[in-house]
Amino acid sequence: MKKYAAAGRKMILFFLPLICGMVGLVGLSDEHFLDALYRCVGMYLMNYGDTPPNLLVEIARWTAPLVTASWVVLAVGTLRRVLGSRVRYLRDDSVAVYGAGPAKPILLEQLGRRGVNGEKELALAHRYILVGPEEENFAFYQAHRQKLSKRPVYLQCRSLSTQAVKSPLLHLFCPEENAARLFWRQKGMFELSRQHGHRLRIVLLGFGKLGEEVLLRGLQSNIFSPGQAIEYHIFGTADRFAAVHRGIAQIEDPVIFHRDAWYTQLALLETADLLLVLEQAQQSALLEDLLLATTRQDIDVFAGAGLASSPLAEQKRVRLFFWEQAAFDLKIVLDDALLARAKAINLRYSHLYAGVAETAENREAEWAKLDAFTRGSNISAADYHLVRLDMLKAMGLPASAEKLPGETLELLAQLEHMRWCRYHYLNNWAFGQPENGKRKDPRLRLHADLVPYENLTDAEREKDRENIRILLSVENGRS
């Protein structure tokens, strides 16, 4: 509706000089209609040299060339955008960005000449990133679905799982999830955990969507030892999250939701191994209170852009993580490496267990067969594999199953089983013997292998060892 209203206003402005001229020449000066029409059209080309007989004709004579000039400028601008879009398209790596807010300029700056500033119409590009409000993103996608169905589309969405869609070319991404994944990846918790005997306490001040993702990614990334005890202490409104993620109670690392205020637990905040302040209302005031109430020298803050100019940003005790900037890093939005690794893992399984040839076509075809839950499981495995590689590097060991000591391979298999169990627990699966006679029942979310590693049979443990061999072989094949 707004589109048609704007177009209507432009047409009225275009014809206004013509209307004024015709009224002045025909209505007030009794000039012949066709002669008047010819003279009025000439005004748009500055082809009116007579003395205007009245004020209306005078207005038309001056405004008509201005209208012509504005339409010429508009046409040139449109032509420039169209030609620019086509030139970028010929580069074979163009990306069109649609939406409002701070994310769009962040992405376009990273894209440089590859970027296309998407407006109302669908521009020609090889990929599309939609960073507007969720409802607008889906509405835009639906409006252009036929054309977009053949191009990779990255759609910002906070309410659905990133693997909730079946289309292999439509990728949902959550900024908070991206930021959380990148934070833990940069933090590299293995060395800190090893120094403390894999006994850590991590405190999150503030929760919400950002806190949820930080906790979920941490539980799936910070897996270093079978006997570890990494505590997560949550201060913030988390009743809904705790009720929905009831399987979190099955995870070895305790998650403690505090109902009392953070300032009643200053001893915990003072001695915690990691203190994370998540973005929230009155974040600056909270941070100032923390600096005064505690003497700890390292406070990690998930900061919005506004905190960059605050005097608090200069505090040596504060480590700022500008999460919005990180969340829209092209490497993590497009996440080609992580997705490619997940697809390669899935294809390797298909090759070993179903004889599928490892080709680029089969990689996409096998991925398209998976449901959202299994895709998410492969992505979780691919994401944790980076942690595994960091661990091997820190231990001075090669990323090769054939060269690893037997006890190290066994350790990695046990940790991978822990990660696999956690992914299921976080999706509310539970241990059980399905009545269908199989090992799992997706409808009831039951799996017979959701037990500690030491309770598995040796044949079942061998599956986990084989998983490590597969993961390492995929990585070696990619390098």
Protein backbone atom coordinates (compact mmCIF):
# COMPACT_ATOMS: atom_id res chain seq x y z
CA MET A 1 0.00 0.00 0.00
CA LYS A 2 2.81 2.45 0.90
CA LYS A 3 4.54 1.60 -2.35
CA TYR A 4 1.47 2.53 -4.43
CA ALA A 5 0.87 5.70 -2.41
CA ALA A 6 4.44 6.89 -3.02
CA ALA A 7 4.12 6.13 -6.74
CA GLY A 8 0.82 8.05 -6.82
CA ARG A 9 2.39 11.12 -5.23
CA LYS A 10 5.20 11.10 -7.78
CA MET A 11 2.73 10.95 -10.69
CA ILE A 12 0.71 13.85 -9.27
CA LEU A 13 3.86 15.97 -8.97
CA PHE A 14 4.85 15.04 -12.52
CA PHE A 15 1.52 16.09 -14.05
CA LEU A 16 0.99 19.16 -11.84
CA PRO A 17 2.74 21.59 -14.26
CA LEU A 18 0.71 20.15 -17.14
CA ILE A 19 -2.54 20.64 -15.24
CA CYS A 20 -1.63 24.22 -14.26
CA GLY A 21 -0.64 25.06 -17.84
CA MET A 22 -3.78 23.58 -19.37
CA VAL A 23 -6.05 25.41 -16.91
CA GLY A 24 -4.19 28.66 -17.55
CA LEU A 25 -4.19 28.35 -21.38
CA VAL A 26 -7.55 26.67 -22.02
CA GLY A 27 -9.63 27.67 -19.02
CA LEU A 28 -8.44 31.27 -18.54
CA SER A 29 -7.09 32.26 -21.99
CA ASP A 30 -9.51 30.31 -24.26
CA GLU A 31 -6.67 28.73 -26.24
CA HIS A 32 -7.44 25.71 -28.47
CA PHE A 33 -7.06 22.46 -26.52
CA LEU A 34 -4.52 20.71 -28.78
CA ASP A 35 -2.43 23.87 -29.17
CA ALA A 36 -2.42 24.32 -25.40
CA LEU A 37 -1.47 20.67 -24.87
CA TYR A 38 1.45 20.99 -27.31
CA ARG A 39 2.74 24.13 -25.60
CA CYS A 40 2.40 22.55 -22.12
CA VAL A 41 4.35 19.47 -23.15
CA GLY A 42 7.02 21.77 -24.55
CA MET A 43 7.40 23.37 -21.14
CA TYR A 44 8.93 20.12 -19.83
CA LEU A 45 11.70 20.63 -22.43
CA MET A 46 11.99 24.39 -21.73
CA ASN A 47 10.35 25.06 -25.11
CA TYR A 48 8.03 27.91 -24.14
CA GLY A 49 9.25 31.36 -25.18
CA ASP A 50 6.04 33.41 -25.13
CA THR A 51 5.01 35.74 -22.36
CA PRO A 52 2.75 33.77 -19.96
CA PRO A 53 -0.82 35.10 -20.14
CA ASN A 54 -1.50 34.44 -16.44
CA LEU A 55 0.00 33.21 -13.16
CA LEU A 56 -0.90 29.53 -13.68
CA VAL A 57 1.02 29.37 -16.95
CA GLU A 58 3.94 31.19 -15.28
CA ILE A 59 3.99 28.52 -12.52
CA ALA A 60 3.82 25.74 -15.09
CA ARG A 61 6.65 27.29 -17.14
CA TRP A 62 9.02 27.27 -14.14
CA THR A 63 8.03 23.99 -12.49
CA ALA A 64 7.90 21.79 -15.60
CA PRO A 65 11.70 21.87 -16.23
CA LEU A 66 12.31 21.17 -12.54
CA VAL A 67 10.10 18.08 -12.76
CA THR A 68 11.97 16.97 -15.89
CA ALA A 69 15.32 17.44 -14.16
CA SER A 70 14.23 15.47 -11.09
CA TRP A 71 13.03 12.58 -13.24
CA VAL A 72 16.30 12.62 -15.20
CA VAL A 73 18.27 12.46 -11.93
CA LEU A 74 16.01 9.63 -10.73
CA ALA A 75 16.45 7.73 -13.98
CA VAL A 76 20.22 8.17 -13.93
CA GLY A 77 20.35 6.99 -10.32
CA THR A 78 18.21 3.95 -11.11
CA LEU A 79 20.31 3.15 -14.17
CA ARG A 80 23.47 3.50 -12.10
CA ARG A 81 22.16 1.11 -9.45
CA VAL A 82 21.03 -1.42 -12.06
CA LEU A 83 24.34 -1.29 -13.93
CA GLY A 84 26.29 -1.39 -10.67
CA SER A 85 24.31 -4.41 -9.55
CA ARG A 86 25.00 -6.19 -12.83
CA VAL A 87 28.70 -5.39 -12.66
CA ARG A 88 28.86 -6.82 -9.13
CA TYR A 89 26.88 -9.84 -10.29
CA LEU A 90 29.49 -10.55 -12.96
CA ARG A 91 32.07 -10.83 -10.15
CA ASP A 92 30.44 -14.14 -9.22
CA ASP A 93 30.57 -13.33 -5.48
CA SER A 94 28.05 -10.51 -5.04
CA VAL A 95 25.95 -10.33 -1.86
CA ALA A 96 22.81 -8.20 -1.51
CA VAL A 97 21.97 -6.97 2.01
CA TYR A 98 18.41 -6.02 2.97
CA GLY A 99 17.05 -4.56 6.20
CA ALA A 100 17.48 -1.62 8.53
CA GLY A 101 19.49 -0.98 11.67
CA PRO A 102 23.21 -1.19 12.47
CA ALA A 103 23.77 -4.62 10.90
CA LYS A 104 23.41 -3.48 7.30
CA PRO A 105 26.30 -0.96 7.23
CA ILE A 106 28.48 -3.44 9.16
CA LEU A 107 27.96 -6.08 6.48
CA LEU A 108 28.26 -3.72 3.51
CA GLU A 109 31.54 -2.35 4.84
CA GLN A 110 32.95 -5.88 5.05
CA LEU A 111 31.68 -6.78 1.59
CA GLY A 112 33.21 -3.75 -0.08
CA ARG A 113 32.69 -3.88 -3.85
CA ARG A 114 30.95 -7.24 -3.53
CA GLY A 115 28.10 -5.70 -1.54
CA VAL A 116 24.78 -4.63 -2.99
CA ASN A 117 22.70 -2.21 -0.92
CA GLY A 118 19.28 -3.82 -1.16
CA GLU A 119 16.29 -1.50 -1.01
CA LYS A 120 12.67 -2.26 -1.94
CA GLU A 121 13.14 -4.23 -5.15
CA LEU A 122 14.99 -7.52 -5.51
CA ALA A 123 18.52 -6.81 -6.74
CA LEU A 124 20.57 -9.18 -8.84
CA ALA A 125 23.08 -11.01 -6.64
CA HIS A 126 24.54 -14.43 -5.96
CA ARG A 127 23.63 -14.42 -2.26
CA TYR A 128 21.21 -12.50 -0.07
CA ILE A 129 21.39 -11.51 3.59
CA LEU A 130 18.18 -10.32 5.29
CA VAL A 131 18.86 -8.47 8.56
CA GLY A 132 15.60 -6.60 9.13
CA PRO A 133 12.93 -7.50 11.71
CA GLU A 134 12.07 -11.17 11.55
CA GLU A 135 8.54 -10.68 10.19
CA GLU A 136 9.79 -8.36 7.44
CA ASN A 137 12.53 -10.81 6.50
CA PHE A 138 10.06 -13.66 6.03
CA ALA A 139 7.62 -11.40 4.17
CA PHE A 140 10.38 -10.31 1.76
CA TYR A 141 11.45 -13.92 1.26
CA GLN A 142 7.89 -15.04 0.56
CA ALA A 143 7.31 -12.16 -1.88
CA HIS A 144 10.37 -13.18 -3.92
CA ARG A 145 10.42 -16.87 -3.10
CA GLN A 146 10.51 -18.14 -6.68
CA LYS A 147 13.62 -16.14 -7.57
CA LEU A 148 15.30 -16.59 -4.20
CA SER A 149 14.77 -20.36 -4.16
CA LYS A 150 17.77 -20.78 -6.47
CA ARG A 151 20.13 -18.58 -4.43
CA PRO A 152 21.61 -18.94 -0.91
CA VAL A 153 19.62 -16.74 1.48
CA TYR A 154 20.80 -15.94 5.03
CA LEU A 155 17.83 -14.76 7.07
CA GLN A 156 18.13 -13.25 10.54
CA CYS A 157 15.74 -15.04 12.90
CA ARG A 158 15.66 -15.27 16.68
CA SER A 159 12.52 -17.32 17.31
CA LEU A 160 13.34 -20.45 15.28
CA SER A 161 16.19 -22.91 15.37
CA THR A 162 18.91 -22.22 12.83
CA GLN A 163 18.17 -25.62 11.30
CA ALA A 164 14.37 -25.33 11.37
CA VAL A 165 13.97 -25.10 7.58
CA LYS A 166 14.26 -27.89 5.04
CA SER A 167 15.43 -25.83 2.08
CA PRO A 168 19.21 -26.34 1.79
CA LEU A 169 19.62 -22.82 0.40
CA LEU A 170 17.71 -20.98 3.15
CA HIS A 171 19.88 -20.45 6.22
CA LEU A 172 18.48 -18.98 9.41
CA PHE A 173 20.98 -17.27 11.68
CA CYS A 174 20.61 -15.83 15.15
CA PRO A 175 22.94 -12.89 16.03
CA GLU A 176 23.07 -13.93 19.69
CA GLU A 177 24.01 -17.50 18.75
CA ASN A 178 26.71 -16.22 16.39
CA ALA A 179 28.16 -13.97 19.09
CA ALA A 180 28.11 -16.74 21.70
CA ARG A 181 29.82 -19.22 19.38
CA LEU A 182 32.51 -16.71 18.46
CA PHE A 183 33.06 -15.67 22.08
CA TRP A 184 33.79 -19.21 23.27
CA ARG A 185 35.91 -19.86 20.17
CA GLN A 186 38.06 -16.81 20.89
CA LYS A 187 38.17 -17.46 24.63
CA GLY A 188 39.75 -20.91 24.24
CA MET A 189 38.83 -22.28 27.66
CA PHE A 190 40.91 -25.48 27.56
CA GLU A 191 44.11 -24.03 29.05
CA LEU A 192 42.22 -22.23 31.84
CA SER A 193 40.28 -25.39 32.59
CA ARG A 194 43.43 -27.54 32.64
CA GLN A 195 45.19 -25.10 34.99
CA HIS A 196 42.33 -25.47 37.48
CA GLY A 197 42.00 -29.23 37.24
CA HIS A 198 38.90 -28.82 35.08
CA ARG A 199 37.07 -27.27 38.02
CA LEU A 200 35.66 -23.89 37.01
CA ARG A 201 32.94 -21.48 38.04
CA ILE A 202 31.47 -19.25 35.36
CA VAL A 203 29.03 -16.47 36.29
CA LEU A 204 26.55 -14.86 33.88
CA LEU A 205 25.01 -11.56 34.96
CA GLY A 206 21.86 -10.96 32.95
CA PHE A 207 20.19 -13.59 30.81
CA GLY A 208 17.64 -13.12 28.04
CA LYS A 209 18.30 -14.41 24.52
CA LEU A 210 21.99 -13.53 24.62
CA GLY A 211 22.50 -15.30 27.94
CA GLU A 212 20.64 -18.37 26.72
CA GLU A 213 22.92 -18.71 23.71
CA VAL A 214 26.08 -18.10 25.75
CA LEU A 215 25.04 -20.89 28.12
CA LEU A 216 23.97 -23.32 25.38
CA ARG A 217 27.15 -22.79 23.34
CA GLY A 218 29.30 -23.03 26.48
CA LEU A 219 27.77 -26.36 27.50
CA GLN A 220 28.52 -27.78 24.04
CA SER A 221 32.00 -26.26 23.67
CA ASN A 222 33.58 -26.43 27.13
CA ILE A 223 34.04 -30.21 27.27
CA PHE A 224 37.61 -31.10 28.25
CA SER A 225 37.67 -33.96 30.74
CA PRO A 226 35.34 -36.87 31.72
CA GLY A 227 35.48 -35.84 35.38
CA GLN A 228 35.19 -32.10 34.86
CA ALA A 229 32.96 -29.89 36.96
CA ILE A 230 32.36 -26.57 35.24
CA GLU A 231 29.65 -24.69 37.09
CA TYR A 232 27.47 -22.08 35.36
CA HIS A 233 25.86 -19.58 37.74
CA ILE A 234 23.00 -17.59 36.21
CA PHE A 235 21.72 -14.30 37.62
CA GLY A 236 18.69 -13.12 35.69
CA THR A 237 15.18 -14.08 34.66
CA ALA A 238 15.46 -17.70 33.52
CA ASP A 239 12.24 -19.44 34.62
CA ARG A 240 10.98 -20.00 31.08
CA PHE A 241 14.37 -21.23 29.85
CA ALA A 242 14.78 -23.66 32.76
CA ALA A 243 11.28 -25.05 32.24
CA VAL A 244 11.71 -25.50 28.50
CA HIS A 245 15.23 -26.97 28.69
CA ARG A 246 14.43 -29.48 31.38
CA GLY A 247 17.02 -31.92 29.97
CA ILE A 248 19.77 -29.57 31.17
CA ALA A 249 19.57 -31.29 34.56
CA GLN A 250 21.04 -34.45 32.97
CA ILE A 251 24.30 -32.69 32.05
CA GLU A 252 27.32 -33.36 34.28
CA ASP A 253 28.26 -29.69 34.60
CA PRO A 254 25.81 -28.04 37.01
CA VAL A 255 23.77 -25.04 35.90
CA ILE A 256 22.62 -23.03 38.91
CA PHE A 257 19.85 -20.45 38.47
CA HIS A 258 20.05 -17.90 41.27
CA ARG A 259 16.85 -16.21 42.36
CA ASP A 260 18.61 -13.74 44.67
CA ALA A 261 20.33 -10.61 43.37
CA TRP A 262 23.96 -10.72 42.29
CA TYR A 263 25.07 -8.30 45.01
CA THR A 264 24.08 -10.86 47.66
CA GLN A 265 26.71 -13.24 46.23
CA LEU A 266 29.77 -10.99 46.09
CA ALA A 267 32.11 -13.76 47.30
CA LEU A 268 31.09 -15.88 44.30
CA LEU A 269 31.59 -12.98 41.89
CA GLU A 270 34.96 -12.19 43.43
CA THR A 271 36.36 -15.72 43.11
CA ALA A 272 34.64 -16.98 39.93
CA ASP A 273 37.02 -18.05 37.16
CA LEU A 274 35.00 -16.13 34.59
CA LEU A 275 32.53 -13.29 35.11
CA LEU A 276 30.41 -12.37 32.09
CA VAL A 277 28.25 -9.23 32.05
CA LEU A 278 25.67 -9.59 29.29
CA GLU A 279 24.08 -6.66 27.50
CA GLN A 280 21.03 -5.38 29.36
CA ALA A 281 19.27 -2.23 30.45
CA GLN A 282 21.43 -0.02 32.67
CA GLN A 283 24.52 -2.03 31.77
CA SER A 284 26.85 0.89 32.49
CA ALA A 285 25.39 1.38 35.96
CA LEU A 286 25.70 -2.37 36.67
CA LEU A 287 29.31 -2.38 35.53
CA GLU A 288 30.15 0.63 37.67
CA ASP A 289 28.62 -1.10 40.71
CA LEU A 290 30.65 -4.25 39.98
CA LEU A 291 33.91 -2.33 39.76
CA LEU A 292 33.17 -0.72 43.11
CA ALA A 293 31.83 -3.81 44.88
CA THR A 294 34.58 -6.25 43.80
CA THR A 295 38.34 -6.15 43.36
CA ARG A 296 38.51 -8.74 40.56
CA GLN A 297 40.72 -7.64 37.69
CA ASP A 298 38.94 -9.30 34.76
CA ILE A 299 35.30 -8.69 33.86
CA ASP A 300 34.16 -9.76 30.41
CA VAL A 301 31.41 -7.50 29.07
CA PHE A 302 29.15 -8.24 26.09
CA ALA A 303 28.91 -4.62 25.08
CA GLY A 304 26.70 -2.75 22.70
CA ALA A 305 28.10 0.00 20.50
CA GLY A 306 27.09 2.66 23.05
CA LEU A 307 29.54 1.40 25.65
CA ALA A 308 32.52 2.08 23.36
CA SER A 309 32.37 5.80 24.12
CA SER A 310 31.83 5.33 27.85
CA PRO A 311 34.70 6.08 30.28
CA LEU A 312 34.15 2.55 31.61
CA ALA A 313 35.55 1.18 28.35
CA GLU A 314 38.97 2.54 29.40
CA GLN A 315 39.02 0.55 32.63
CA LYS A 316 41.86 -1.99 32.61
CA ARG A 317 39.71 -4.39 34.61
CA VAL A 318 37.12 -4.52 31.84
CA ARG A 319 37.39 -6.62 28.67
CA LEU A 320 34.82 -5.53 26.12
CA PHE A 321 33.39 -7.95 23.58
CA PHE A 322 31.37 -5.97 21.04
CA TRP A 323 28.99 -8.78 20.37
CA GLU A 324 26.83 -7.12 17.70
CA GLN A 325 29.88 -6.37 15.59
CA ALA A 326 31.07 -9.95 16.09
CA ALA A 327 27.65 -11.44 15.37
CA PHE A 328 27.59 -9.87 11.91
CA ASP A 329 31.11 -10.86 10.95
CA LEU A 330 30.72 -12.25 7.43
CA LYS A 331 32.76 -15.33 8.28
CA ILE A 332 30.24 -16.37 10.91
CA VAL A 333 27.05 -15.12 9.18
CA LEU A 334 27.81 -17.05 6.02
CA ASP A 335 29.75 -19.66 8.06
CA ASP A 336 30.87 -21.46 4.96
CA ALA A 337 33.65 -23.30 6.80
CA LEU A 338 31.46 -24.64 9.61
CA LEU A 339 28.65 -25.68 7.26
CA ALA A 340 31.09 -27.26 4.81
CA ARG A 341 32.68 -29.24 7.65
CA ALA A 342 29.27 -30.42 8.88
CA LYS A 343 28.27 -31.51 5.36
CA ALA A 344 31.60 -33.27 4.89
CA ILE A 345 31.13 -35.17 8.16
CA ASN A 346 27.66 -36.28 7.09
CA LEU A 347 28.90 -37.36 3.67
CA ARG A 348 31.75 -39.36 5.21
CA TYR A 349 29.22 -41.26 7.33
CA SER A 350 27.09 -41.89 4.24
CA HIS A 351 30.17 -43.11 2.39
CA LEU A 352 31.28 -45.50 5.14
CA TYR A 353 27.88 -46.88 6.09
CA ALA A 354 25.88 -46.63 2.84
CA GLY A 355 28.53 -46.65 0.13
CA VAL A 356 27.71 -43.14 -1.13
CA ALA A 357 30.45 -41.67 -3.32
CA GLU A 358 32.11 -38.59 -1.84
CA THR A 359 31.29 -36.03 -4.52
CA ALA A 360 30.15 -32.43 -4.31
CA GLU A 361 26.72 -33.37 -5.67
CA ASN A 362 26.25 -36.14 -3.10
CA ARG A 363 27.39 -33.84 -0.30
CA GLU A 364 24.45 -31.53 -0.96
CA ALA A 365 22.03 -34.37 -1.72
CA GLU A 366 22.81 -36.25 1.52
CA TRP A 367 22.54 -33.03 3.52
CA ALA A 368 19.12 -32.29 2.03
CA LYS A 369 17.85 -35.68 3.28
CA LEU A 370 18.47 -34.80 6.93
CA ASP A 371 15.85 -33.48 9.30
CA ALA A 372 16.50 -30.30 11.30
CA PHE A 373 17.57 -32.18 14.45
CA THR A 374 20.19 -34.28 12.65
CA ARG A 375 21.52 -31.26 10.78
CA GLY A 376 21.93 -29.49 14.09
CA SER A 377 23.74 -32.52 15.50
CA ASN A 378 26.24 -32.48 12.62
CA ILE A 379 26.81 -28.75 13.06
CA SER A 380 27.34 -29.24 16.79
CA ALA A 381 29.91 -31.95 16.02
CA ALA A 382 31.65 -29.72 13.47
CA ASP A 383 31.72 -26.80 15.91
CA TYR A 384 33.16 -28.86 18.79
CA HIS A 385 35.76 -30.33 16.47
CA LEU A 386 37.55 -26.97 16.52
CA VAL A 387 37.82 -27.31 20.30
CA ARG A 388 39.21 -30.82 19.84
CA LEU A 389 41.87 -29.56 17.43
CA ASP A 390 42.86 -26.81 19.88
CA MET A 391 43.18 -29.40 22.65
CA LEU A 392 45.45 -31.62 20.54
CA LYS A 393 47.61 -28.64 19.62
CA ALA A 394 47.92 -27.59 23.28
CA MET A 395 48.92 -31.17 24.20
CA GLY A 396 51.49 -31.25 21.40
CA LEU A 397 49.74 -34.11 19.61
CA PRO A 398 49.02 -34.53 15.89
CA ALA A 399 45.48 -34.24 14.52
CA SER A 400 45.70 -37.74 13.08
CA ALA A 401 43.91 -40.79 14.46
CA GLU A 402 46.69 -43.10 13.19
CA LYS A 403 49.39 -41.16 15.08
CA LEU A 404 47.50 -40.58 18.33
CA PRO A 405 48.33 -42.65 21.45
CA GLY A 406 45.59 -45.14 22.25
CA GLU A 407 44.69 -43.47 25.53
CA THR A 408 44.27 -40.10 23.79
CA LEU A 409 41.96 -41.60 21.17
CA GLU A 410 39.96 -43.16 24.00
CA LEU A 411 39.76 -39.78 25.80
CA LEU A 412 38.56 -38.01 22.65
CA ALA A 413 35.95 -40.72 22.07
CA GLN A 414 34.67 -40.27 25.61
CA LEU A 415 34.49 -36.48 25.23
CA GLU A 416 32.68 -36.83 21.90
CA HIS A 417 30.12 -39.11 23.58
CA MET A 418 29.65 -36.44 26.26
CA ARG A 419 29.04 -33.81 23.56
CA TRP A 420 26.63 -36.08 21.72
CA CYS A 421 24.68 -36.72 24.94
CA ARG A 422 24.59 -33.02 25.76
CA TYR A 423 23.18 -32.14 22.37
CA HIS A 424 20.38 -34.63 22.95
CA TYR A 425 19.77 -33.49 26.53
CA LEU A 426 19.54 -29.85 25.43
CA ASN A 427 16.85 -30.96 22.99
CA ASN A 428 15.04 -32.81 25.82
CA TRP A 429 15.93 -36.36 24.86
CA ALA A 430 16.24 -38.93 27.66
CA PHE A 431 17.58 -42.41 28.22
CA GLY A 432 15.10 -45.15 27.44
CA GLN A 433 14.56 -48.46 25.67
CA PRO A 434 12.18 -47.69 22.77
CA GLU A 435 9.30 -50.08 22.25
CA ASN A 436 9.96 -50.10 18.49
CA GLY A 437 12.93 -52.39 19.08
CA LYS A 438 15.43 -49.82 17.81
CA ARG A 439 18.05 -47.84 19.67
CA LYS A 440 16.07 -44.61 19.44
CA ASP A 441 12.55 -43.26 19.15
CA PRO A 442 12.54 -39.68 17.74
CA ARG A 443 8.84 -39.20 18.50
CA LEU A 444 9.26 -39.85 22.22
CA ARG A 445 12.85 -38.55 22.24
CA LEU A 446 14.25 -41.72 23.75
CA HIS A 447 17.69 -43.18 23.08
CA ALA A 448 19.28 -46.27 24.59
CA ASP A 449 22.81 -44.85 24.27
CA LEU A 450 22.23 -41.83 26.51
CA VAL A 451 24.34 -43.34 29.30
CA PRO A 452 27.84 -42.61 30.63
CA TYR A 453 30.64 -43.77 28.35
CA GLU A 454 31.78 -46.44 30.80
CA ASN A 455 28.31 -48.04 30.68
CA LEU A 456 28.49 -48.61 26.93
CA THR A 457 29.50 -51.95 25.51
CA ASP A 458 32.87 -52.09 23.78
CA ALA A 459 31.08 -52.30 20.42
CA GLU A 460 29.21 -49.09 21.23
CA ARG A 461 32.44 -47.42 22.39
CA GLU A 462 34.05 -48.42 19.11
CA LYS A 463 31.41 -46.32 17.34
CA ASP A 464 32.65 -43.28 19.28
CA ARG A 465 36.27 -44.11 18.45
CA GLU A 466 35.27 -44.42 14.81
CA ASN A 467 33.58 -41.02 15.06
CA ILE A 468 36.91 -39.50 16.09
CA ARG A 469 38.69 -41.23 13.21
CA ILE A 470 36.06 -39.90 10.82
CA LEU A 471 36.21 -36.35 12.18
CA LEU A 472 40.01 -36.24 12.02
CA SER A 473 40.07 -37.78 8.55
CA VAL A 474 37.55 -35.19 7.31
CA GLU A 475 39.71 -32.37 8.70
CA ASN A 476 42.86 -33.83 7.13
CA GLY A 477 41.01 -34.22 3.85
CA ARG A 478 39.98 -30.56 3.98
CA SER A 479 43.44 -29.23 4.74
